[in-house]
Amino acid sequence: MPEDPGDGQSEDVSFGSVSQEWLLRFIEHRIGDKRIIRLIRKWLKAGILEDGIVTVD
């Protein structure tokens, strides 16, 4: 049986190693809803809260 590309195996990619601009262009291509794109932009800008310290990348 040929290996299915959707077999659950994926590479471990951290968002720090992916260009956010490239990621947004890719998502915009796949998702046509501008409201969802705007929400994802806000999530990417929000940063991370760890041990009471906010880190914005």
PDB file of N, CA and C in Angstrom:
ATOM      1  N   MET A   1       0.846  -1.177   0.000  1.00  0.00           N
ATOM      2  CA  MET A   1       0.000   0.000   0.000  1.00  0.00           C
ATOM      3  C   MET A   1       0.896   1.246   0.000  1.00  0.00           C
ATOM      4  N   PRO A   2       0.677   2.198  -0.907  1.00  0.00           N
ATOM      5  CA  PRO A   2       1.503   3.404  -0.947  1.00  0.00           C
ATOM      6  C   PRO A   2       1.264   4.260   0.300  1.00  0.00           C
ATOM      7  N   GLU A   3       2.306   4.976   0.685  1.00  0.00           N
ATOM      8  CA  GLU A   3       2.207   5.816   1.877  1.00  0.00           C
ATOM      9  C   GLU A   3       1.327   7.022   1.591  1.00  0.00           C
ATOM     10  N   ASP A   4       0.358   7.225   2.454  1.00  0.00           N
ATOM     11  CA  ASP A   4      -0.571   8.344   2.329  1.00  0.00           C
ATOM     12  C   ASP A   4       0.086   9.597   2.919  1.00  0.00           C
ATOM     13  N   PRO A   5       0.088  10.737   2.182  1.00  0.00           N
ATOM     14  CA  PRO A   5       0.707  11.942   2.734  1.00  0.00           C
ATOM     15  C   PRO A   5       0.019  12.438   3.996  1.00  0.00           C
ATOM     16  N   GLY A   6      -1.209  12.058   4.218  1.00  0.00           N
ATOM     17  CA  GLY A   6      -1.934  12.467   5.408  1.00  0.00           C
ATOM     18  C   GLY A   6      -1.943  11.384   6.464  1.00  0.00           C
ATOM     19  N   ASP A   7      -0.848  10.654   6.604  1.00  0.00           N
ATOM     20  CA  ASP A   7      -0.813   9.520   7.521  1.00  0.00           C
ATOM     21  C   ASP A   7      -0.520   9.904   8.964  1.00  0.00           C
ATOM     22  N   GLY A   8      -0.536  11.195   9.283  1.00  0.00           N
ATOM     23  CA  GLY A   8      -0.316  11.619  10.651  1.00  0.00           C
ATOM     24  C   GLY A   8       1.121  11.962  10.970  1.00  0.00           C
ATOM     25  N   GLN A   9       2.035  11.636  10.071  1.00  0.00           N
ATOM     26  CA  GLN A   9       3.434  11.976  10.294  1.00  0.00           C
ATOM     27  C   GLN A   9       3.670  13.391   9.802  1.00  0.00           C
ATOM     28  N   SER A  10       4.273  14.189  10.648  1.00  0.00           N
ATOM     29  CA  SER A  10       4.581  15.550  10.242  1.00  0.00           C
ATOM     30  C   SER A  10       5.896  15.955  10.880  1.00  0.00           C
ATOM     31  N   GLU A  11       6.501  16.969  10.303  1.00  0.00           N
ATOM     32  CA  GLU A  11       7.747  17.474  10.853  1.00  0.00           C
ATOM     33  C   GLU A  11       7.421  18.417  12.006  1.00  0.00           C
ATOM     34  N   ASP A  12       8.294  18.453  12.978  1.00  0.00           N
ATOM     35  CA  ASP A  12       8.137  19.348  14.110  1.00  0.00           C
ATOM     36  C   ASP A  12       8.668  20.714  13.699  1.00  0.00           C
ATOM     37  N   VAL A  13       7.780  21.677  13.508  1.00  0.00           N
ATOM     38  CA  VAL A  13       8.162  23.014  13.077  1.00  0.00           C
ATOM     39  C   VAL A  13       7.706  23.996  14.143  1.00  0.00           C
ATOM     40  N   SER A  14       8.636  24.797  14.647  1.00  0.00           N
ATOM     41  CA  SER A  14       8.239  25.813  15.611  1.00  0.00           C
ATOM     42  C   SER A  14       7.893  27.083  14.839  1.00  0.00           C
ATOM     43  N   PHE A  15       6.974  27.866  15.386  1.00  0.00           N
ATOM     44  CA  PHE A  15       6.563  29.079  14.693  1.00  0.00           C
ATOM     45  C   PHE A  15       7.686  30.101  14.643  1.00  0.00           C
ATOM     46  N   GLY A  16       8.658  29.992  15.536  1.00  0.00           N
ATOM     47  CA  GLY A  16       9.796  30.898  15.504  1.00  0.00           C
ATOM     48  C   GLY A  16      10.672  30.678  14.285  1.00  0.00           C
ATOM     49  N   SER A  17      10.623  29.480  13.709  1.00  0.00           N
ATOM     50  CA  SER A  17      11.475  29.184  12.562  1.00  0.00           C
ATOM     51  C   SER A  17      10.765  29.404  11.223  1.00  0.00           C
ATOM     52  N   VAL A  18       9.494  29.782  11.277  1.00  0.00           N
ATOM     53  CA  VAL A  18       8.716  30.019  10.061  1.00  0.00           C
ATOM     54  C   VAL A  18       8.459  31.513   9.946  1.00  0.00           C
ATOM     55  N   SER A  19       8.708  32.065   8.777  1.00  0.00           N
ATOM     56  CA  SER A  19       8.429  33.477   8.548  1.00  0.00           C
ATOM     57  C   SER A  19       6.931  33.723   8.699  1.00  0.00           C
ATOM     58  N   GLN A  20       6.579  34.654   9.581  1.00  0.00           N
ATOM     59  CA  GLN A  20       5.157  34.941   9.781  1.00  0.00           C
ATOM     60  C   GLN A  20       4.517  35.510   8.521  1.00  0.00           C
ATOM     61  N   GLU A  21       5.281  36.283   7.768  1.00  0.00           N
ATOM     62  CA  GLU A  21       4.739  36.843   6.520  1.00  0.00           C
ATOM     63  C   GLU A  21       4.431  35.725   5.525  1.00  0.00           C
ATOM     64  N   TRP A  22       5.361  34.761   5.400  1.00  0.00           N
ATOM     65  CA  TRP A  22       5.118  33.615   4.513  1.00  0.00           C
ATOM     66  C   TRP A  22       3.919  32.819   4.991  1.00  0.00           C
ATOM     67  N   LEU A  23       3.852  32.591   6.300  1.00  0.00           N
ATOM     68  CA  LEU A  23       2.746  31.839   6.877  1.00  0.00           C
ATOM     69  C   LEU A  23       1.410  32.514   6.577  1.00  0.00           C
ATOM     70  N   LEU A  24       1.341  33.825   6.735  1.00  0.00           N
ATOM     71  CA  LEU A  24       0.098  34.550   6.462  1.00  0.00           C
ATOM     72  C   LEU A  24      -0.272  34.496   4.980  1.00  0.00           C
ATOM     73  N   ARG A  25       0.722  34.608   4.097  1.00  0.00           N
ATOM     74  CA  ARG A  25       0.413  34.502   2.663  1.00  0.00           C
ATOM     75  C   ARG A  25      -0.124  33.118   2.326  1.00  0.00           C
ATOM     76  N   PHE A  26       0.462  32.081   2.930  1.00  0.00           N
ATOM     77  CA  PHE A  26       0.009  30.712   2.712  1.00  0.00           C
ATOM     78  C   PHE A  26      -1.425  30.544   3.215  1.00  0.00           C
ATOM     79  N   ILE A  27      -1.697  31.056   4.401  1.00  0.00           N
ATOM     80  CA  ILE A  27      -3.043  30.941   4.976  1.00  0.00           C
ATOM     81  C   ILE A  27      -4.052  31.723   4.145  1.00  0.00           C
ATOM     82  N   GLU A  28      -3.680  32.925   3.709  1.00  0.00           N
ATOM     83  CA  GLU A  28      -4.581  33.727   2.867  1.00  0.00           C
ATOM     84  C   GLU A  28      -4.935  32.990   1.584  1.00  0.00           C
ATOM     85  N   HIS A  29      -3.965  32.255   1.048  1.00  0.00           N
ATOM     86  CA  HIS A  29      -4.208  31.489  -0.176  1.00  0.00           C
ATOM     87  C   HIS A  29      -5.218  30.363   0.078  1.00  0.00           C
ATOM     88  N   ARG A  30      -5.132  29.744   1.268  1.00  0.00           N
ATOM     89  CA  ARG A  30      -5.990  28.600   1.597  1.00  0.00           C
ATOM     90  C   ARG A  30      -7.345  29.016   2.169  1.00  0.00           C
ATOM     91  N   ILE A  31      -7.385  30.165   2.862  1.00  0.00           N
ATOM     92  CA  ILE A  31      -8.612  30.610   3.534  1.00  0.00           C
ATOM     93  C   ILE A  31      -9.019  31.946   2.929  1.00  0.00           C
ATOM     94  N   GLY A  32     -10.213  32.034   2.431  1.00  0.00           N
ATOM     95  CA  GLY A  32     -10.666  33.256   1.781  1.00  0.00           C
ATOM     96  C   GLY A  32     -11.323  34.255   2.714  1.00  0.00           C
ATOM     97  N   ASP A  33     -11.617  33.866   3.932  1.00  0.00           N
ATOM     98  CA  ASP A  33     -12.350  34.724   4.865  1.00  0.00           C
ATOM     99  C   ASP A  33     -11.392  35.717   5.526  1.00  0.00           C
ATOM    100  N   LYS A  34     -11.541  37.002   5.197  1.00  0.00           N
ATOM    101  CA  LYS A  34     -10.655  38.045   5.713  1.00  0.00           C
ATOM    102  C   LYS A  34     -10.760  38.185   7.230  1.00  0.00           C
ATOM    103  N   ARG A  35     -11.930  37.869   7.800  1.00  0.00           N
ATOM    104  CA  ARG A  35     -12.086  37.966   9.259  1.00  0.00           C
ATOM    105  C   ARG A  35     -11.207  36.952   9.972  1.00  0.00           C
ATOM    106  N   ILE A  36     -11.112  35.753   9.410  1.00  0.00           N
ATOM    107  CA  ILE A  36     -10.266  34.714   9.995  1.00  0.00           C
ATOM    108  C   ILE A  36      -8.795  35.102   9.868  1.00  0.00           C
ATOM    109  N   ILE A  37      -8.412  35.663   8.726  1.00  0.00           N
ATOM    110  CA  ILE A  37      -7.029  36.103   8.520  1.00  0.00           C
ATOM    111  C   ILE A  37      -6.676  37.187   9.546  1.00  0.00           C
ATOM    112  N   ARG A  38      -7.593  38.143   9.758  1.00  0.00           N
ATOM    113  CA  ARG A  38      -7.353  39.210  10.731  1.00  0.00           C
ATOM    114  C   ARG A  38      -7.176  38.635  12.137  1.00  0.00           C
ATOM    115  N   LEU A  39      -7.985  37.651  12.492  1.00  0.00           N
ATOM    116  CA  LEU A  39      -7.886  37.003  13.795  1.00  0.00           C
ATOM    117  C   LEU A  39      -6.538  36.289  13.958  1.00  0.00           C
ATOM    118  N   ILE A  40      -6.097  35.590  12.924  1.00  0.00           N
ATOM    119  CA  ILE A  40      -4.803  34.896  12.977  1.00  0.00           C
ATOM    120  C   ILE A  40      -3.668  35.902  13.114  1.00  0.00           C
ATOM    121  N   ARG A  41      -3.744  37.045  12.407  1.00  0.00           N
ATOM    122  CA  ARG A  41      -2.724  38.099  12.556  1.00  0.00           C
ATOM    123  C   ARG A  41      -2.636  38.565  14.005  1.00  0.00           C
ATOM    124  N   LYS A  42      -3.790  38.770  14.631  1.00  0.00           N
ATOM    125  CA  LYS A  42      -3.812  39.206  16.031  1.00  0.00           C
ATOM    126  C   LYS A  42      -3.189  38.150  16.936  1.00  0.00           C
ATOM    127  N   TRP A  43      -3.482  36.883  16.686  1.00  0.00           N
ATOM    128  CA  TRP A  43      -2.895  35.811  17.495  1.00  0.00           C
ATOM    129  C   TRP A  43      -1.374  35.800  17.364  1.00  0.00           C
ATOM    130  N   LEU A  44      -0.878  35.995  16.148  1.00  0.00           N
ATOM    131  CA  LEU A  44       0.565  35.974  15.932  1.00  0.00           C
ATOM    132  C   LEU A  44       1.259  37.163  16.605  1.00  0.00           C
ATOM    133  N   LYS A  45       0.568  38.292  16.710  1.00  0.00           N
ATOM    134  CA  LYS A  45       1.143  39.480  17.338  1.00  0.00           C
ATOM    135  C   LYS A  45       1.003  39.462  18.852  1.00  0.00           C
ATOM    136  N   ALA A  46       0.139  38.609  19.378  1.00  0.00           N
ATOM    137  CA  ALA A  46      -0.201  38.640  20.803  1.00  0.00           C
ATOM    138  C   ALA A  46       0.963  38.265  21.706  1.00  0.00           C
ATOM    139  N   GLY A  47       1.826  37.387  21.299  1.00  0.00           N
ATOM    140  CA  GLY A  47       2.942  36.971  22.130  1.00  0.00           C
ATOM    141  C   GLY A  47       2.582  35.770  22.994  1.00  0.00           C
ATOM    142  N   ILE A  48       3.472  35.479  23.938  1.00  0.00           N
ATOM    143  CA  ILE A  48       3.337  34.286  24.777  1.00  0.00           C
ATOM    144  C   ILE A  48       3.482  34.724  26.230  1.00  0.00           C
ATOM    145  N   LEU A  49       2.635  34.182  27.101  1.00  0.00           N
ATOM    146  CA  LEU A  49       2.722  34.452  28.536  1.00  0.00           C
ATOM    147  C   LEU A  49       3.273  33.203  29.214  1.00  0.00           C
ATOM    148  N   GLU A  50       4.483  33.328  29.780  1.00  0.00           N
ATOM    149  CA  GLU A  50       5.117  32.211  30.495  1.00  0.00           C
ATOM    150  C   GLU A  50       5.615  32.729  31.838  1.00  0.00           C
ATOM    151  N   ASP A  51       5.198  32.087  32.892  1.00  0.00           N
ATOM    152  CA  ASP A  51       5.625  32.459  34.252  1.00  0.00           C
ATOM    153  C   ASP A  51       5.405  33.940  34.523  1.00  0.00           C
ATOM    154  N   GLY A  52       4.300  34.484  34.034  1.00  0.00           N
ATOM    155  CA  GLY A  52       3.960  35.885  34.277  1.00  0.00           C
ATOM    156  C   GLY A  52       4.721  36.887  33.431  1.00  0.00           C
ATOM    157  N   ILE A  53       5.510  36.400  32.476  1.00  0.00           N
ATOM    158  CA  ILE A  53       6.300  37.288  31.597  1.00  0.00           C
ATOM    159  C   ILE A  53       5.794  37.133  30.171  1.00  0.00           C
ATOM    160  N   VAL A  54       5.444  38.281  29.545  1.00  0.00           N
ATOM    161  CA  VAL A  54       4.960  38.268  28.161  1.00  0.00           C
ATOM    162  C   VAL A  54       6.152  38.400  27.225  1.00  0.00           C
ATOM    163  N   THR A  55       6.245  37.485  26.264  1.00  0.00           N
ATOM    164  CA  THR A  55       7.290  37.521  25.247  1.00  0.00           C
ATOM    165  C   THR A  55       6.619  37.715  23.890  1.00  0.00           C
ATOM    166  N   VAL A  56       6.992  38.815  23.221  1.00  0.00           N
ATOM    167  CA  VAL A  56       6.449  39.093  21.889  1.00  0.00           C
ATOM    168  C   VAL A  56       7.574  38.894  20.897  1.00  0.00           C
ATOM    169  N   ASP A  57       7.315  38.071  19.887  1.00  0.00           N
ATOM    170  CA  ASP A  57       8.341  37.771  18.893  1.00  0.00           C
ATOM    171  C   ASP A  57       8.231  38.667  17.710  1.00  0.00           C
TER     172      ASP A  57
END
